[in-house]
Amino acid sequence: MHIQESGEMYLETLFVLSRDSAYVRAIDVGEYMGYSKPSVSRAIGLLKKAGYVTSDKDGYLFLTEAGRTIAEKIFNRHNLLTKFLISMGVSEETASEDACKIEHVISDESIDAIRKVMETKKASL
C-alpha cells in the first residue's frame, strides 16, 4: 500500500519520539510537528486504519512492524540526505529542511547511489 507524504511524516515523528520515550501520545506528536489536535487525531486514525499504528487503553501510540519499516526508511533517508547536502557545503539547517522535502519523493535507486558516494567519500578519509 502506498502511503502519502503526510503519513510518512507522522510515522517518522512517532519513530523519532519513541526513540526518546516508550510512551508517545498524540499530543506529543502534535507539539513536535506543530499541528493541531484535530489534525493529528485524524491522521493517526487513518494510520491506525491502514495498520501502521496501534494504541493502548491509555492512548499511547505504537508503530506496527509495517509502520516501523516505513518510519525507519524515511528517517534513514533524511539522515543520509542531510549528511550528503552538508558534505556539498549546504548549511546544516538548510540541509535538514531540504532533506525533509526530498526524502519522500526520491527513488530508491537515487538513494542507493547517494549512499555509495557517501561510503566512498568516507572510505577515502
PDB file of N, CA and C in Angstrom:
ATOM      1  N   MET A   1       0.840  -1.190   0.000  1.00  0.00           N
ATOM      2  CA  MET A   1       0.000   0.000   0.000  1.00  0.00           C
ATOM      3  C   MET A   1       0.883   1.252   0.000  1.00  0.00           C
ATOM      4  N   HIS A   2       0.568   2.186  -0.864  1.00  0.00           N
ATOM      5  CA  HIS A   2       1.316   3.439  -0.938  1.00  0.00           C
ATOM      6  C   HIS A   2       0.814   4.391   0.144  1.00  0.00           C
ATOM      7  N   ILE A   3       1.745   5.008   0.831  1.00  0.00           N
ATOM      8  CA  ILE A   3       1.387   5.963   1.880  1.00  0.00           C
ATOM      9  C   ILE A   3       1.791   7.360   1.423  1.00  0.00           C
ATOM     10  N   GLN A   4       0.953   8.330   1.716  1.00  0.00           N
ATOM     11  CA  GLN A   4       1.233   9.696   1.296  1.00  0.00           C
ATOM     12  C   GLN A   4       2.316  10.320   2.164  1.00  0.00           C
ATOM     13  N   GLU A   5       2.870  11.420   1.643  1.00  0.00           N
ATOM     14  CA  GLU A   5       3.955  12.128   2.338  1.00  0.00           C
ATOM     15  C   GLU A   5       3.570  12.495   3.766  1.00  0.00           C
ATOM     16  N   SER A   6       2.366  12.985   3.974  1.00  0.00           N
ATOM     17  CA  SER A   6       1.955  13.392   5.323  1.00  0.00           C
ATOM     18  C   SER A   6       1.956  12.194   6.272  1.00  0.00           C
ATOM     19  N   GLY A   7       1.505  11.043   5.770  1.00  0.00           N
ATOM     20  CA  GLY A   7       1.526   9.835   6.590  1.00  0.00           C
ATOM     21  C   GLY A   7       2.946   9.442   6.945  1.00  0.00           C
ATOM     22  N   GLU A   8       3.853   9.557   5.982  1.00  0.00           N
ATOM     23  CA  GLU A   8       5.262   9.262   6.244  1.00  0.00           C
ATOM     24  C   GLU A   8       5.821  10.186   7.313  1.00  0.00           C
ATOM     25  N   MET A   9       5.429  11.444   7.271  1.00  0.00           N
ATOM     26  CA  MET A   9       5.911  12.415   8.264  1.00  0.00           C
ATOM     27  C   MET A   9       5.433  12.035   9.670  1.00  0.00           C
ATOM     28  N   TYR A  10       4.179  11.632   9.773  1.00  0.00           N
ATOM     29  CA  TYR A  10       3.654  11.205  11.077  1.00  0.00           C
ATOM     30  C   TYR A  10       4.384   9.961  11.583  1.00  0.00           C
ATOM     31  N   LEU A  11       4.605   9.010  10.708  1.00  0.00           N
ATOM     32  CA  LEU A  11       5.315   7.793  11.113  1.00  0.00           C
ATOM     33  C   LEU A  11       6.739   8.107  11.543  1.00  0.00           C
ATOM     34  N   GLU A  12       7.404   8.957  10.786  1.00  0.00           N
ATOM     35  CA  GLU A  12       8.776   9.346  11.143  1.00  0.00           C
ATOM     36  C   GLU A  12       8.791  10.055  12.492  1.00  0.00           C
ATOM     37  N   THR A  13       7.815  10.917  12.728  1.00  0.00           N
ATOM     38  CA  THR A  13       7.730  11.620  14.004  1.00  0.00           C
ATOM     39  C   THR A  13       7.522  10.640  15.150  1.00  0.00           C
ATOM     40  N   LEU A  14       6.609   9.684  14.975  1.00  0.00           N
ATOM     41  CA  LEU A  14       6.407   8.667  16.013  1.00  0.00           C
ATOM     42  C   LEU A  14       7.697   7.897  16.275  1.00  0.00           C
ATOM     43  N   PHE A  15       8.418   7.575  15.216  1.00  0.00           N
ATOM     44  CA  PHE A  15       9.687   6.859  15.353  1.00  0.00           C
ATOM     45  C   PHE A  15      10.692   7.681  16.151  1.00  0.00           C
ATOM     46  N   VAL A  16      10.846   8.944  15.791  1.00  0.00           N
ATOM     47  CA  VAL A  16      11.796   9.826  16.480  1.00  0.00           C
ATOM     48  C   VAL A  16      11.411   9.974  17.957  1.00  0.00           C
ATOM     49  N   LEU A  17      10.147  10.245  18.222  1.00  0.00           N
ATOM     50  CA  LEU A  17       9.703  10.429  19.604  1.00  0.00           C
ATOM     51  C   LEU A  17       9.831   9.141  20.418  1.00  0.00           C
ATOM     52  N   SER A  18       9.582   8.005  19.787  1.00  0.00           N
ATOM     53  CA  SER A  18       9.657   6.732  20.514  1.00  0.00           C
ATOM     54  C   SER A  18      11.101   6.332  20.821  1.00  0.00           C
ATOM     55  N   ARG A  19      12.044   6.947  20.165  1.00  0.00           N
ATOM     56  CA  ARG A  19      13.460   6.702  20.497  1.00  0.00           C
ATOM     57  C   ARG A  19      13.819   7.330  21.836  1.00  0.00           C
ATOM     58  N   ASP A  20      13.111   8.409  22.194  1.00  0.00           N
ATOM     59  CA  ASP A  20      13.370   9.100  23.457  1.00  0.00           C
ATOM     60  C   ASP A  20      12.490   8.600  24.594  1.00  0.00           C
ATOM     61  N   SER A  21      11.314   8.073  24.255  1.00  0.00           N
ATOM     62  CA  SER A  21      10.377   7.613  25.273  1.00  0.00           C
ATOM     63  C   SER A  21       9.529   6.490  24.702  1.00  0.00           C
ATOM     64  N   ALA A  22       9.288   5.482  25.510  1.00  0.00           N
ATOM     65  CA  ALA A  22       8.449   4.361  25.075  1.00  0.00           C
ATOM     66  C   ALA A  22       6.982   4.771  25.025  1.00  0.00           C
ATOM     67  N   TYR A  23       6.656   5.913  25.621  1.00  0.00           N
ATOM     68  CA  TYR A  23       5.265   6.345  25.718  1.00  0.00           C
ATOM     69  C   TYR A  23       5.057   7.649  24.953  1.00  0.00           C
ATOM     70  N   VAL A  24       4.448   7.539  23.777  1.00  0.00           N
ATOM     71  CA  VAL A  24       4.193   8.694  22.924  1.00  0.00           C
ATOM     72  C   VAL A  24       2.689   8.851  22.780  1.00  0.00           C
ATOM     73  N   ARG A  25       2.220  10.067  22.985  1.00  0.00           N
ATOM     74  CA  ARG A  25       0.791  10.357  22.836  1.00  0.00           C
ATOM     75  C   ARG A  25       0.584  11.251  21.621  1.00  0.00           C
ATOM     76  N   ALA A  26      -0.655  11.332  21.186  1.00  0.00           N
ATOM     77  CA  ALA A  26      -0.995  12.175  20.040  1.00  0.00           C
ATOM     78  C   ALA A  26      -0.609  13.626  20.312  1.00  0.00           C
ATOM     79  N   ILE A  27      -0.761  14.069  21.543  1.00  0.00           N
ATOM     80  CA  ILE A  27      -0.408  15.454  21.887  1.00  0.00           C
ATOM     81  C   ILE A  27       1.088  15.688  21.688  1.00  0.00           C
ATOM     82  N   ASP A  28       1.906  14.684  21.958  1.00  0.00           N
ATOM     83  CA  ASP A  28       3.355  14.801  21.751  1.00  0.00           C
ATOM     84  C   ASP A  28       3.671  14.952  20.264  1.00  0.00           C
ATOM     85  N   VAL A  29       2.964  14.183  19.454  1.00  0.00           N
ATOM     86  CA  VAL A  29       3.144  14.255  18.006  1.00  0.00           C
ATOM     87  C   VAL A  29       2.764  15.645  17.504  1.00  0.00           C
ATOM     88  N   GLY A  30       1.629  16.148  17.975  1.00  0.00           N
ATOM     89  CA  GLY A  30       1.169  17.483  17.570  1.00  0.00           C
ATOM     90  C   GLY A  30       2.140  18.573  17.955  1.00  0.00           C
ATOM     91  N   GLU A  31       2.663  18.496  19.165  1.00  0.00           N
ATOM     92  CA  GLU A  31       3.630  19.503  19.618  1.00  0.00           C
ATOM     93  C   GLU A  31       4.902  19.449  18.785  1.00  0.00           C
ATOM     94  N   TYR A  32       5.378  18.257  18.512  1.00  0.00           N
ATOM     95  CA  TYR A  32       6.609  18.081  17.747  1.00  0.00           C
ATOM     96  C   TYR A  32       6.465  18.618  16.325  1.00  0.00           C
ATOM     97  N   MET A  33       5.307  18.334  15.718  1.00  0.00           N
ATOM     98  CA  MET A  33       5.088  18.714  14.325  1.00  0.00           C
ATOM     99  C   MET A  33       4.473  20.102  14.173  1.00  0.00           C
ATOM    100  N   GLY A  34       3.954  20.655  15.260  1.00  0.00           N
ATOM    101  CA  GLY A  34       3.316  21.961  15.194  1.00  0.00           C
ATOM    102  C   GLY A  34       1.919  21.901  14.589  1.00  0.00           C
ATOM    103  N   TYR A  35       1.243  20.770  14.759  1.00  0.00           N
ATOM    104  CA  TYR A  35      -0.092  20.563  14.203  1.00  0.00           C
ATOM    105  C   TYR A  35      -1.147  20.585  15.305  1.00  0.00           C
ATOM    106  N   SER A  36      -2.365  20.888  14.918  1.00  0.00           N
ATOM    107  CA  SER A  36      -3.483  20.934  15.866  1.00  0.00           C
ATOM    108  C   SER A  36      -3.902  19.529  16.273  1.00  0.00           C
ATOM    109  N   LYS A  37      -4.563  19.449  17.422  1.00  0.00           N
ATOM    110  CA  LYS A  37      -5.032  18.165  17.930  1.00  0.00           C
ATOM    111  C   LYS A  37      -5.983  17.473  16.949  1.00  0.00           C
ATOM    112  N   PRO A  38      -6.949  18.197  16.344  1.00  0.00           N
ATOM    113  CA  PRO A  38      -7.838  17.532  15.385  1.00  0.00           C
ATOM    114  C   PRO A  38      -7.089  16.976  14.162  1.00  0.00           C
ATOM    115  N   SER A  39      -6.099  17.705  13.675  1.00  0.00           N
ATOM    116  CA  SER A  39      -5.322  17.226  12.527  1.00  0.00           C
ATOM    117  C   SER A  39      -4.571  15.952  12.871  1.00  0.00           C
ATOM    118  N   VAL A  40      -3.956  15.941  14.046  1.00  0.00           N
ATOM    119  CA  VAL A  40      -3.196  14.772  14.483  1.00  0.00           C
ATOM    120  C   VAL A  40      -4.142  13.593  14.703  1.00  0.00           C
ATOM    121  N   SER A  41      -5.259  13.858  15.325  1.00  0.00           N
ATOM    122  CA  SER A  41      -6.238  12.806  15.599  1.00  0.00           C
ATOM    123  C   SER A  41      -6.712  12.144  14.308  1.00  0.00           C
ATOM    124  N   ARG A  42      -7.005  12.941  13.320  1.00  0.00           N
ATOM    125  CA  ARG A  42      -7.460  12.413  12.031  1.00  0.00           C
ATOM    126  C   ARG A  42      -6.361  11.584  11.372  1.00  0.00           C
ATOM    127  N   ALA A  43      -5.160  12.108  11.346  1.00  0.00           N
ATOM    128  CA  ALA A  43      -4.044  11.399  10.707  1.00  0.00           C
ATOM    129  C   ALA A  43      -3.737  10.089  11.423  1.00  0.00           C
ATOM    130  N   ILE A  44      -3.716  10.114  12.737  1.00  0.00           N
ATOM    131  CA  ILE A  44      -3.438   8.893  13.500  1.00  0.00           C
ATOM    132  C   ILE A  44      -4.542   7.870  13.252  1.00  0.00           C
ATOM    133  N   GLY A  45      -5.778   8.330  13.166  1.00  0.00           N
ATOM    134  CA  GLY A  45      -6.888   7.428  12.864  1.00  0.00           C
ATOM    135  C   GLY A  45      -6.709   6.732  11.520  1.00  0.00           C
ATOM    136  N   LEU A  46      -6.274   7.482  10.514  1.00  0.00           N
ATOM    137  CA  LEU A  46      -6.022   6.902   9.195  1.00  0.00           C
ATOM    138  C   LEU A  46      -4.859   5.906   9.228  1.00  0.00           C
ATOM    139  N   LEU A  47      -3.820   6.254   9.984  1.00  0.00           N
ATOM    140  CA  LEU A  47      -2.667   5.356  10.098  1.00  0.00           C
ATOM    141  C   LEU A  47      -3.027   4.081  10.859  1.00  0.00           C
ATOM    142  N   LYS A  48      -3.905   4.196  11.849  1.00  0.00           N
ATOM    143  CA  LYS A  48      -4.390   3.006  12.565  1.00  0.00           C
ATOM    144  C   LYS A  48      -5.188   2.117  11.614  1.00  0.00           C
ATOM    145  N   LYS A  49      -6.084   2.742  10.870  1.00  0.00           N
ATOM    146  CA  LYS A  49      -6.939   2.004   9.940  1.00  0.00           C
ATOM    147  C   LYS A  49      -6.105   1.270   8.888  1.00  0.00           C
ATOM    148  N   ALA A  50      -4.999   1.881   8.477  1.00  0.00           N
ATOM    149  CA  ALA A  50      -4.111   1.284   7.474  1.00  0.00           C
ATOM    150  C   ALA A  50      -3.170   0.237   8.072  1.00  0.00           C
ATOM    151  N   GLY A  51      -3.146   0.128   9.408  1.00  0.00           N
ATOM    152  CA  GLY A  51      -2.318  -0.874  10.053  1.00  0.00           C
ATOM    153  C   GLY A  51      -0.896  -0.461  10.350  1.00  0.00           C
ATOM    154  N   TYR A  52      -0.643   0.849  10.396  1.00  0.00           N
ATOM    155  CA  TYR A  52       0.711   1.342  10.665  1.00  0.00           C
ATOM    156  C   TYR A  52       0.930   1.750  12.121  1.00  0.00           C
ATOM    157  N   VAL A  53      -0.158   2.002  12.830  1.00  0.00           N
ATOM    158  CA  VAL A  53      -0.081   2.486  14.211  1.00  0.00           C
ATOM    159  C   VAL A  53      -1.143   1.772  15.036  1.00  0.00           C
ATOM    160  N   THR A  54      -0.816   1.510  16.296  1.00  0.00           N
ATOM    161  CA  THR A  54      -1.789   0.999  17.254  1.00  0.00           C
ATOM    162  C   THR A  54      -1.739   1.902  18.481  1.00  0.00           C
ATOM    163  N   SER A  55      -2.706   1.734  19.363  1.00  0.00           N
ATOM    164  CA  SER A  55      -2.678   2.462  20.638  1.00  0.00           C
ATOM    165  C   SER A  55      -3.178   1.543  21.732  1.00  0.00           C
ATOM    166  N   ASP A  56      -2.788   1.862  22.952  1.00  0.00           N
ATOM    167  CA  ASP A  56      -3.264   1.065  24.084  1.00  0.00           C
ATOM    168  C   ASP A  56      -4.426   1.781  24.765  1.00  0.00           C
ATOM    169  N   LYS A  57      -4.909   1.209  25.845  1.00  0.00           N
ATOM    170  CA  LYS A  57      -6.083   1.767  26.537  1.00  0.00           C
ATOM    171  C   LYS A  57      -5.816   3.150  27.122  1.00  0.00           C
ATOM    172  N   ASP A  58      -4.554   3.490  27.336  1.00  0.00           N
ATOM    173  CA  ASP A  58      -4.196   4.801  27.885  1.00  0.00           C
ATOM    174  C   ASP A  58      -3.932   5.841  26.801  1.00  0.00           C
ATOM    175  N   GLY A  59      -4.053   5.435  25.540  1.00  0.00           N
ATOM    176  CA  GLY A  59      -3.875   6.366  24.435  1.00  0.00           C
ATOM    177  C   GLY A  59      -2.445   6.497  23.933  1.00  0.00           C
ATOM    178  N   TYR A  60      -1.557   5.665  24.429  1.00  0.00           N
ATOM    179  CA  TYR A  60      -0.177   5.715  23.943  1.00  0.00           C
ATOM    180  C   TYR A  60      -0.104   5.060  22.564  1.00  0.00           C
ATOM    181  N   LEU A  61       0.692   5.648  21.705  1.00  0.00           N
ATOM    182  CA  LEU A  61       0.785   5.216  20.313  1.00  0.00           C
ATOM    183  C   LEU A  61       2.016   4.355  20.084  1.00  0.00           C
ATOM    184  N   PHE A  62       1.854   3.365  19.209  1.00  0.00           N
ATOM    185  CA  PHE A  62       2.948   2.458  18.892  1.00  0.00           C
ATOM    186  C   PHE A  62       2.947   2.175  17.398  1.00  0.00           C
ATOM    187  N   LEU A  63       4.122   2.113  16.821  1.00  0.00           N
ATOM    188  CA  LEU A  63       4.247   1.737  15.417  1.00  0.00           C
ATOM    189  C   LEU A  63       4.102   0.227  15.288  1.00  0.00           C
ATOM    190  N   THR A  64       3.358  -0.218  14.292  1.00  0.00           N
ATOM    191  CA  THR A  64       3.332  -1.644  13.978  1.00  0.00           C
ATOM    192  C   THR A  64       4.624  -1.963  13.231  1.00  0.00           C
ATOM    193  N   GLU A  65       4.824  -3.229  12.925  1.00  0.00           N
ATOM    194  CA  GLU A  65       6.023  -3.598  12.167  1.00  0.00           C
ATOM    195  C   GLU A  65       6.047  -2.877  10.813  1.00  0.00           C
ATOM    196  N   ALA A  66       4.889  -2.828  10.155  1.00  0.00           N
ATOM    197  CA  ALA A  66       4.804  -2.137   8.861  1.00  0.00           C
ATOM    198  C   ALA A  66       5.074  -0.642   9.022  1.00  0.00           C
ATOM    199  N   GLY A  67       4.535  -0.047  10.072  1.00  0.00           N
ATOM    200  CA  GLY A  67       4.751   1.375  10.337  1.00  0.00           C
ATOM    201  C   GLY A  67       6.202   1.681  10.649  1.00  0.00           C
ATOM    202  N   ARG A  68       6.819   0.810  11.442  1.00  0.00           N
ATOM    203  CA  ARG A  68       8.230   0.998  11.802  1.00  0.00           C
ATOM    204  C   ARG A  68       9.122   0.886  10.571  1.00  0.00           C
ATOM    205  N   THR A  69       8.815  -0.028   9.686  1.00  0.00           N
ATOM    206  CA  THR A  69       9.608  -0.201   8.459  1.00  0.00           C
ATOM    207  C   THR A  69       9.610   1.083   7.638  1.00  0.00           C
ATOM    208  N   ILE A  70       8.442   1.663   7.446  1.00  0.00           N
ATOM    209  CA  ILE A  70       8.344   2.913   6.681  1.00  0.00           C
ATOM    210  C   ILE A  70       9.034   4.042   7.425  1.00  0.00           C
ATOM    211  N   ALA A  71       8.792   4.151   8.722  1.00  0.00           N
ATOM    212  CA  ALA A  71       9.375   5.229   9.524  1.00  0.00           C
ATOM    213  C   ALA A  71      10.901   5.185   9.499  1.00  0.00           C
ATOM    214  N   GLU A  72      11.466   3.999   9.664  1.00  0.00           N
ATOM    215  CA  GLU A  72      12.927   3.871   9.641  1.00  0.00           C
ATOM    216  C   GLU A  72      13.488   4.227   8.264  1.00  0.00           C
ATOM    217  N   LYS A  73      12.791   3.823   7.220  1.00  0.00           N
ATOM    218  CA  LYS A  73      13.240   4.144   5.863  1.00  0.00           C
ATOM    219  C   LYS A  73      13.291   5.654   5.657  1.00  0.00           C
ATOM    220  N   ILE A  74      12.241   6.353   6.061  1.00  0.00           N
ATOM    221  CA  ILE A  74      12.189   7.804   5.904  1.00  0.00           C
ATOM    222  C   ILE A  74      13.236   8.472   6.795  1.00  0.00           C
ATOM    223  N   PHE A  75      13.356   8.015   8.024  1.00  0.00           N
ATOM    224  CA  PHE A  75      14.336   8.564   8.960  1.00  0.00           C
ATOM    225  C   PHE A  75      15.760   8.401   8.413  1.00  0.00           C
ATOM    226  N   ASN A  76      16.068   7.218   7.907  1.00  0.00           N
ATOM    227  CA  ASN A  76      17.412   6.967   7.365  1.00  0.00           C
ATOM    228  C   ASN A  76      17.664   7.787   6.106  1.00  0.00           C
ATOM    229  N   ARG A  77      16.648   7.933   5.260  1.00  0.00           N
ATOM    230  CA  ARG A  77      16.782   8.779   4.072  1.00  0.00           C
ATOM    231  C   ARG A  77      17.082  10.216   4.487  1.00  0.00           C
ATOM    232  N   HIS A  78      16.345  10.696   5.474  1.00  0.00           N
ATOM    233  CA  HIS A  78      16.535  12.069   5.948  1.00  0.00           C
ATOM    234  C   HIS A  78      17.980  12.278   6.408  1.00  0.00           C
ATOM    235  N   ASN A  79      18.469  11.360   7.223  1.00  0.00           N
ATOM    236  CA  ASN A  79      19.842  11.490   7.737  1.00  0.00           C
ATOM    237  C   ASN A  79      20.877  11.434   6.626  1.00  0.00           C
ATOM    238  N   LEU A  80      20.701  10.501   5.687  1.00  0.00           N
ATOM    239  CA  LEU A  80      21.645  10.374   4.576  1.00  0.00           C
ATOM    240  C   LEU A  80      21.637  11.627   3.705  1.00  0.00           C
ATOM    241  N   LEU A  81      20.451  12.090   3.357  1.00  0.00           N
ATOM    242  CA  LEU A  81      20.356  13.289   2.513  1.00  0.00           C
ATOM    243  C   LEU A  81      20.909  14.521   3.216  1.00  0.00           C
ATOM    244  N   THR A  82      20.661  14.645   4.505  1.00  0.00           N
ATOM    245  CA  THR A  82      21.200  15.779   5.263  1.00  0.00           C
ATOM    246  C   THR A  82      22.722  15.760   5.229  1.00  0.00           C
ATOM    247  N   LYS A  83      23.313  14.601   5.521  1.00  0.00           N
ATOM    248  CA  LYS A  83      24.774  14.483   5.503  1.00  0.00           C
ATOM    249  C   LYS A  83      25.337  14.757   4.107  1.00  0.00           C
ATOM    250  N   PHE A  84      24.656  14.247   3.099  1.00  0.00           N
ATOM    251  CA  PHE A  84      25.094  14.446   1.712  1.00  0.00           C
ATOM    252  C   PHE A  84      25.106  15.936   1.368  1.00  0.00           C
ATOM    253  N   LEU A  85      24.037  16.630   1.686  1.00  0.00           N
ATOM    254  CA  LEU A  85      23.962  18.067   1.378  1.00  0.00           C
ATOM    255  C   LEU A  85      24.993  18.864   2.170  1.00  0.00           C
ATOM    256  N   ILE A  86      25.187  18.504   3.422  1.00  0.00           N
ATOM    257  CA  ILE A  86      26.205  19.182   4.238  1.00  0.00           C
ATOM    258  C   ILE A  86      27.592  18.967   3.625  1.00  0.00           C
ATOM    259  N   SER A  87      27.840  17.747   3.141  1.00  0.00           N
ATOM    260  CA  SER A  87      29.152  17.461   2.545  1.00  0.00           C
ATOM    261  C   SER A  87      29.398  18.275   1.286  1.00  0.00           C
ATOM    262  N   MET A  88      28.336  18.784   0.692  1.00  0.00           N
ATOM    263  CA  MET A  88      28.468  19.620  -0.506  1.00  0.00           C
ATOM    264  C   MET A  88      28.509  21.108  -0.149  1.00  0.00           C
ATOM    265  N   GLY A  89      28.515  21.422   1.154  1.00  0.00           N
ATOM    266  CA  GLY A  89      28.656  22.807   1.568  1.00  0.00           C
ATOM    267  C   GLY A  89      27.375  23.498   1.980  1.00  0.00           C
ATOM    268  N   VAL A  90      26.267  22.778   2.023  1.00  0.00           N
ATOM    269  CA  VAL A  90      24.991  23.362   2.443  1.00  0.00           C
ATOM    270  C   VAL A  90      24.986  23.451   3.969  1.00  0.00           C
ATOM    271  N   SER A  91      24.432  24.545   4.502  1.00  0.00           N
ATOM    272  CA  SER A  91      24.367  24.692   5.957  1.00  0.00           C
ATOM    273  C   SER A  91      23.529  23.562   6.549  1.00  0.00           C
ATOM    274  N   GLU A  92      23.790  23.227   7.806  1.00  0.00           N
ATOM    275  CA  GLU A  92      23.083  22.124   8.460  1.00  0.00           C
ATOM    276  C   GLU A  92      21.572  22.354   8.490  1.00  0.00           C
ATOM    277  N   GLU A  93      21.153  23.563   8.803  1.00  0.00           N
ATOM    278  CA  GLU A  93      19.721  23.861   8.885  1.00  0.00           C
ATOM    279  C   GLU A  93      19.042  23.708   7.519  1.00  0.00           C
ATOM    280  N   THR A  94      19.647  24.286   6.490  1.00  0.00           N
ATOM    281  CA  THR A  94      19.079  24.185   5.149  1.00  0.00           C
ATOM    282  C   THR A  94      19.112  22.747   4.654  1.00  0.00           C
ATOM    283  N   ALA A  95      20.202  22.044   4.931  1.00  0.00           N
ATOM    284  CA  ALA A  95      20.331  20.650   4.506  1.00  0.00           C
ATOM    285  C   ALA A  95      19.219  19.802   5.121  1.00  0.00           C
ATOM    286  N   SER A  96      18.942  19.992   6.391  1.00  0.00           N
ATOM    287  CA  SER A  96      17.895  19.229   7.066  1.00  0.00           C
ATOM    288  C   SER A  96      16.512  19.560   6.501  1.00  0.00           C
ATOM    289  N   GLU A  97      16.258  20.843   6.265  1.00  0.00           N
ATOM    290  CA  GLU A  97      14.968  21.260   5.697  1.00  0.00           C
ATOM    291  C   GLU A  97      14.780  20.695   4.295  1.00  0.00           C
ATOM    292  N   ASP A  98      15.824  20.767   3.471  1.00  0.00           N
ATOM    293  CA  ASP A  98      15.728  20.256   2.106  1.00  0.00           C
ATOM    294  C   ASP A  98      15.601  18.728   2.101  1.00  0.00           C
ATOM    295  N   ALA A  99      16.331  18.071   2.985  1.00  0.00           N
ATOM    296  CA  ALA A  99      16.249  16.610   3.079  1.00  0.00           C
ATOM    297  C   ALA A  99      14.829  16.178   3.416  1.00  0.00           C
ATOM    298  N   CYS A 100      14.171  16.938   4.261  1.00  0.00           N
ATOM    299  CA  CYS A 100      12.798  16.635   4.654  1.00  0.00           C
ATOM    300  C   CYS A 100      11.861  16.669   3.456  1.00  0.00           C
ATOM    301  N   LYS A 101      12.126  17.555   2.538  1.00  0.00           N
ATOM    302  CA  LYS A 101      11.296  17.664   1.332  1.00  0.00           C
ATOM    303  C   LYS A 101      11.629  16.552   0.332  1.00  0.00           C
ATOM    304  N   ILE A 102      12.909  16.263   0.187  1.00  0.00           N
ATOM    305  CA  ILE A 102      13.378  15.309  -0.811  1.00  0.00           C
ATOM    306  C   ILE A 102      13.085  13.859  -0.407  1.00  0.00           C
ATOM    307  N   GLU A 103      13.162  13.552   0.879  1.00  0.00           N
ATOM    308  CA  GLU A 103      13.102  12.174   1.360  1.00  0.00           C
ATOM    309  C   GLU A 103      11.842  11.415   0.933  1.00  0.00           C
ATOM    310  N   HIS A 104      10.790  12.133   0.620  1.00  0.00           N
ATOM    311  CA  HIS A 104       9.516  11.492   0.285  1.00  0.00           C
ATOM    312  C   HIS A 104       9.353  11.198  -1.200  1.00  0.00           C
ATOM    313  N   VAL A 105      10.162  11.821  -2.035  1.00  0.00           N
ATOM    314  CA  VAL A 105       9.966  11.682  -3.479  1.00  0.00           C
ATOM    315  C   VAL A 105      11.148  11.046  -4.200  1.00  0.00           C
ATOM    316  N   ILE A 106      12.281  10.963  -3.564  1.00  0.00           N
ATOM    317  CA  ILE A 106      13.469  10.429  -4.219  1.00  0.00           C
ATOM    318  C   ILE A 106      13.341   8.909  -4.374  1.00  0.00           C
ATOM    319  N   SER A 107      13.855   8.394  -5.472  1.00  0.00           N
ATOM    320  CA  SER A 107      13.761   6.957  -5.748  1.00  0.00           C
ATOM    321  C   SER A 107      14.769   6.169  -4.905  1.00  0.00           C
ATOM    322  N   ASP A 108      14.493   4.887  -4.755  1.00  0.00           N
ATOM    323  CA  ASP A 108      15.436   4.002  -4.063  1.00  0.00           C
ATOM    324  C   ASP A 108      16.762   3.951  -4.816  1.00  0.00           C
ATOM    325  N   GLU A 109      16.692   3.993  -6.144  1.00  0.00           N
ATOM    326  CA  GLU A 109      17.903   3.964  -6.963  1.00  0.00           C
ATOM    327  C   GLU A 109      18.799   5.170  -6.650  1.00  0.00           C
ATOM    328  N   SER A 110      18.198   6.347  -6.568  1.00  0.00           N
ATOM    329  CA  SER A 110      18.982   7.554  -6.277  1.00  0.00           C
ATOM    330  C   SER A 110      19.531   7.523  -4.853  1.00  0.00           C
ATOM    331  N   ILE A 111      18.737   7.057  -3.908  1.00  0.00           N
ATOM    332  CA  ILE A 111      19.215   6.936  -2.519  1.00  0.00           C
ATOM    333  C   ILE A 111      20.402   5.982  -2.459  1.00  0.00           C
ATOM    334  N   ASP A 112      20.308   4.851  -3.161  1.00  0.00           N
ATOM    335  CA  ASP A 112      21.411   3.893  -3.175  1.00  0.00           C
ATOM    336  C   ASP A 112      22.674   4.508  -3.778  1.00  0.00           C
ATOM    337  N   ALA A 113      22.515   5.302  -4.825  1.00  0.00           N
ATOM    338  CA  ALA A 113      23.663   5.957  -5.455  1.00  0.00           C
ATOM    339  C   ALA A 113      24.301   6.965  -4.498  1.00  0.00           C
ATOM    340  N   ILE A 114      23.482   7.740  -3.809  1.00  0.00           N
ATOM    341  CA  ILE A 114      23.997   8.706  -2.832  1.00  0.00           C
ATOM    342  C   ILE A 114      24.709   7.967  -1.699  1.00  0.00           C
ATOM    343  N   ARG A 115      24.118   6.872  -1.243  1.00  0.00           N
ATOM    344  CA  ARG A 115      24.736   6.086  -0.169  1.00  0.00           C
ATOM    345  C   ARG A 115      26.128   5.596  -0.600  1.00  0.00           C
ATOM    346  N   LYS A 116      26.234   5.117  -1.837  1.00  0.00           N
ATOM    347  CA  LYS A 116      27.528   4.634  -2.348  1.00  0.00           C
ATOM    348  C   LYS A 116      28.547   5.762  -2.417  1.00  0.00           C
ATOM    349  N   VAL A 117      28.125   6.934  -2.883  1.00  0.00           N
ATOM    350  CA  VAL A 117      29.022   8.090  -2.947  1.00  0.00           C
ATOM    351  C   VAL A 117      29.502   8.449  -1.542  1.00  0.00           C
ATOM    352  N   MET A 118      28.596   8.456  -0.593  1.00  0.00           N
ATOM    353  CA  MET A 118      28.956   8.822   0.783  1.00  0.00           C
ATOM    354  C   MET A 118      29.892   7.776   1.398  1.00  0.00           C
ATOM    355  N   GLU A 119      29.659   6.500   1.120  1.00  0.00           N
ATOM    356  CA  GLU A 119      30.538   5.445   1.636  1.00  0.00           C
ATOM    357  C   GLU A 119      31.924   5.552   1.025  1.00  0.00           C
ATOM    358  N   THR A 120      32.006   5.856  -0.272  1.00  0.00           N
ATOM    359  CA  THR A 120      33.290   6.028  -0.947  1.00  0.00           C
ATOM    360  C   THR A 120      34.027   7.222  -0.375  1.00  0.00           C
ATOM    361  N   LYS A 121      33.293   8.298  -0.164  1.00  0.00           N
ATOM    362  CA  LYS A 121      33.883   9.512   0.395  1.00  0.00           C
ATOM    363  C   LYS A 121      34.413   9.239   1.808  1.00  0.00           C
ATOM    364  N   LYS A 122      33.626   8.507   2.597  1.00  0.00           N
ATOM    365  CA  LYS A 122      34.001   8.187   3.973  1.00  0.00           C
ATOM    366  C   LYS A 122      35.243   7.290   3.988  1.00  0.00           C
ATOM    367  N   ALA A 123      35.304   6.325   3.059  1.00  0.00           N
ATOM    368  CA  ALA A 123      36.432   5.398   2.991  1.00  0.00           C
ATOM    369  C   ALA A 123      37.725   6.108   2.593  1.00  0.00           C
ATOM    370  N   SER A 124      37.608   7.199   1.842  1.00  0.00           N
ATOM    371  CA  SER A 124      38.807   7.890   1.385  1.00  0.00           C
ATOM    372  C   SER A 124      39.352   8.871   2.427  1.00  0.00           C
ATOM    373  N   LEU A 125      38.647   9.058   3.506  1.00  0.00           N
ATOM    374  CA  LEU A 125      39.119   9.981   4.559  1.00  0.00           C
ATOM    375  C   LEU A 125      40.118   9.344   5.470  1.00  0.00           C
TER     376      LEU A 125
END
